[in-house]
Amino acid sequence: MMDAKKNSKSLRILDILAAHPEGLKFSVLQRLLWEMSHMTPFTRDLRGYWCTNLLGGSMYHAGILRFFATKGADGLWRRNDVPHNGRPWATMNAA
C-alpha cells in the first residue's frame, strides 16, 4: 500500500479544490500540501514542494491539477468534472 499516503494528500487537495469553486492560486495549493507534510514553517524557498505531482513534467505523468482541475483565465485552479473514484493516481495511470 505504498500509494496510500500520496493518495490521501491528492484526495485532500481535490476535495479542497471542490470546496472552493471560486478557485485557488497555485501558491495556496503548494502551501496546503507543505502544511500537510511538514511541521517547519513554510518559506518562499520551499514553494517547489510537490510541483511535479501537481503539474507533472515532460518525463513524468500529466500532474494531478492538469488531469483533475482547470486553470481559469484569472490564473486560479478549479476542480473539473473528471471522476477519480477515490484513487486519482490509478485513474490517471489508466487513462
C-alpha atoms as a PDB file:
ATOM      1  CA  MET A   1       0.000   0.000   0.000  1.00  0.00           C
ATOM      2  CA  MET A   2       2.775   2.391  -0.937  1.00  0.00           C
ATOM      3  CA  ASP A   3       0.434   4.930  -2.580  1.00  0.00           C
ATOM      4  CA  ALA A   4      -1.909   5.371   0.403  1.00  0.00           C
ATOM      5  CA  LYS A   5      -0.094   8.437   1.717  1.00  0.00           C
ATOM      6  CA  LYS A   6       0.166  10.009  -1.754  1.00  0.00           C
ATOM      7  CA  ASN A   7      -3.498   9.323  -2.475  1.00  0.00           C
ATOM      8  CA  SER A   8      -4.517  10.778   0.849  1.00  0.00           C
ATOM      9  CA  LYS A   9      -2.873  14.121   0.066  1.00  0.00           C
ATOM     10  CA  SER A  10      -4.135  14.009  -3.504  1.00  0.00           C
ATOM     11  CA  LEU A  11      -7.672  13.390  -2.372  1.00  0.00           C
ATOM     12  CA  ARG A  12      -7.447  16.183   0.184  1.00  0.00           C
ATOM     13  CA  ILE A  13      -6.209  18.638  -2.445  1.00  0.00           C
ATOM     14  CA  LEU A  14      -9.006  17.618  -4.837  1.00  0.00           C
ATOM     15  CA  ASP A  15     -11.548  17.980  -2.022  1.00  0.00           C
ATOM     16  CA  ILE A  16     -10.162  21.430  -1.163  1.00  0.00           C
ATOM     17  CA  LEU A  17     -10.438  22.481  -4.816  1.00  0.00           C
ATOM     18  CA  ALA A  18     -14.020  21.175  -4.980  1.00  0.00           C
ATOM     19  CA  ALA A  19     -14.864  23.151  -1.829  1.00  0.00           C
ATOM     20  CA  HIS A  20     -13.571  26.378  -3.423  1.00  0.00           C
ATOM     21  CA  PRO A  21     -15.473  26.806  -6.717  1.00  0.00           C
ATOM     22  CA  GLU A  22     -14.106  30.358  -6.929  1.00  0.00           C
ATOM     23  CA  GLY A  23     -10.667  28.791  -7.461  1.00  0.00           C
ATOM     24  CA  LEU A  24      -7.318  28.757  -5.661  1.00  0.00           C
ATOM     25  CA  LYS A  25      -3.905  30.102  -6.575  1.00  0.00           C
ATOM     26  CA  PHE A  26      -1.157  27.572  -7.214  1.00  0.00           C
ATOM     27  CA  SER A  27       0.891  29.018  -4.341  1.00  0.00           C
ATOM     28  CA  VAL A  28      -2.005  28.363  -1.949  1.00  0.00           C
ATOM     29  CA  LEU A  29      -2.098  24.725  -3.063  1.00  0.00           C
ATOM     30  CA  GLN A  30       1.670  24.455  -2.528  1.00  0.00           C
ATOM     31  CA  ARG A  31       1.315  25.882   0.973  1.00  0.00           C
ATOM     32  CA  LEU A  32      -1.530  23.498   1.857  1.00  0.00           C
ATOM     33  CA  LEU A  33       0.485  20.499   0.698  1.00  0.00           C
ATOM     34  CA  TRP A  34       3.522  21.649   2.635  1.00  0.00           C
ATOM     35  CA  GLU A  35       1.440  22.067   5.795  1.00  0.00           C
ATOM     36  CA  MET A  36       0.016  18.543   5.360  1.00  0.00           C
ATOM     37  CA  SER A  37       3.541  17.119   5.286  1.00  0.00           C
ATOM     38  CA  HIS A  38       5.815  19.226   7.453  1.00  0.00           C
ATOM     39  CA  MET A  39       5.963  20.885  10.832  1.00  0.00           C
ATOM     40  CA  THR A  40       8.551  23.513   9.845  1.00  0.00           C
ATOM     41  CA  PRO A  41       7.352  26.950   8.729  1.00  0.00           C
ATOM     42  CA  PHE A  42       6.646  27.421   5.038  1.00  0.00           C
ATOM     43  CA  THR A  43       9.022  29.863   3.334  1.00  0.00           C
ATOM     44  CA  ARG A  44       9.299  31.208  -0.189  1.00  0.00           C
ATOM     45  CA  ASP A  45      12.288  28.898  -0.810  1.00  0.00           C
ATOM     46  CA  LEU A  46      10.028  25.849  -0.291  1.00  0.00           C
ATOM     47  CA  ARG A  47       7.448  26.703  -2.951  1.00  0.00           C
ATOM     48  CA  GLY A  48       8.664  23.939  -5.282  1.00  0.00           C
ATOM     49  CA  TYR A  49       7.470  21.187  -2.963  1.00  0.00           C
ATOM     50  CA  TRP A  50       5.162  18.721  -4.751  1.00  0.00           C
ATOM     51  CA  CYS A  51       5.253  20.674  -8.064  1.00  0.00           C
ATOM     52  CA  THR A  52       5.874  17.602 -10.191  1.00  0.00           C
ATOM     53  CA  ASN A  53       2.899  15.809  -8.657  1.00  0.00           C
ATOM     54  CA  LEU A  54       0.693  18.871  -9.102  1.00  0.00           C
ATOM     55  CA  LEU A  55       1.700  19.849 -12.633  1.00  0.00           C
ATOM     56  CA  GLY A  56       3.678  16.915 -13.988  1.00  0.00           C
ATOM     57  CA  GLY A  57       6.608  17.204 -16.326  1.00  0.00           C
ATOM     58  CA  SER A  58       7.781  16.204 -19.772  1.00  0.00           C
ATOM     59  CA  MET A  59       9.298  12.968 -18.476  1.00  0.00           C
ATOM     60  CA  TYR A  60       6.541  12.231 -15.950  1.00  0.00           C
ATOM     61  CA  HIS A  61       2.775  11.978 -15.677  1.00  0.00           C
ATOM     62  CA  ALA A  62       0.373  14.800 -16.521  1.00  0.00           C
ATOM     63  CA  GLY A  63       0.083  16.031 -12.940  1.00  0.00           C
ATOM     64  CA  ILE A  64      -2.951  15.945 -10.708  1.00  0.00           C
ATOM     65  CA  LEU A  65      -4.018  19.526 -11.499  1.00  0.00           C
ATOM     66  CA  ARG A  66      -3.695  19.105 -15.258  1.00  0.00           C
ATOM     67  CA  PHE A  67      -5.883  15.991 -15.043  1.00  0.00           C
ATOM     68  CA  PHE A  68      -8.480  16.858 -12.370  1.00  0.00           C
ATOM     69  CA  ALA A  69      -8.546  20.672 -12.461  1.00  0.00           C
ATOM     70  CA  THR A  70      -8.712  23.548 -14.895  1.00  0.00           C
ATOM     71  CA  LYS A  71      -6.755  26.782 -14.762  1.00  0.00           C
ATOM     72  CA  GLY A  72      -9.013  29.742 -15.479  1.00  0.00           C
ATOM     73  CA  ALA A  73      -8.146  32.916 -17.359  1.00  0.00           C
ATOM     74  CA  ASP A  74      -7.775  34.553 -13.932  1.00  0.00           C
ATOM     75  CA  GLY A  75      -4.950  32.125 -13.079  1.00  0.00           C
ATOM     76  CA  LEU A  76      -6.951  30.238 -10.437  1.00  0.00           C
ATOM     77  CA  TRP A  77      -7.268  26.455 -10.402  1.00  0.00           C
ATOM     78  CA  ARG A  78     -10.756  24.921 -10.191  1.00  0.00           C
ATOM     79  CA  ARG A  79     -11.825  21.287  -9.884  1.00  0.00           C
ATOM     80  CA  ASN A  80     -13.230  19.858 -13.128  1.00  0.00           C
ATOM     81  CA  ASP A  81     -15.749  17.011 -13.504  1.00  0.00           C
ATOM     82  CA  VAL A  82     -13.293  14.159 -14.157  1.00  0.00           C
ATOM     83  CA  PRO A  83     -14.176  11.400 -11.636  1.00  0.00           C
ATOM     84  CA  HIS A  84     -11.414   9.691  -9.674  1.00  0.00           C
ATOM     85  CA  ASN A  85     -13.365   7.090  -7.648  1.00  0.00           C
ATOM     86  CA  GLY A  86     -11.148   7.711  -4.627  1.00  0.00           C
ATOM     87  CA  ARG A  87      -7.950   6.761  -6.489  1.00  0.00           C
ATOM     88  CA  PRO A  88      -6.717   9.706  -8.550  1.00  0.00           C
ATOM     89  CA  TRP A  89      -3.294   8.245  -9.413  1.00  0.00           C
ATOM     90  CA  ALA A  90      -4.805   4.952 -10.569  1.00  0.00           C
ATOM     91  CA  THR A  91      -7.316   6.897 -12.689  1.00  0.00           C
ATOM     92  CA  MET A  92      -4.532   8.959 -14.265  1.00  0.00           C
ATOM     93  CA  ASN A  93      -2.393   5.906 -14.998  1.00  0.00           C
ATOM     94  CA  ALA A  94      -5.315   4.103 -16.612  1.00  0.00           C
ATOM     95  CA  ALA A  95      -6.100   6.991 -18.962  1.00  0.00           C
END
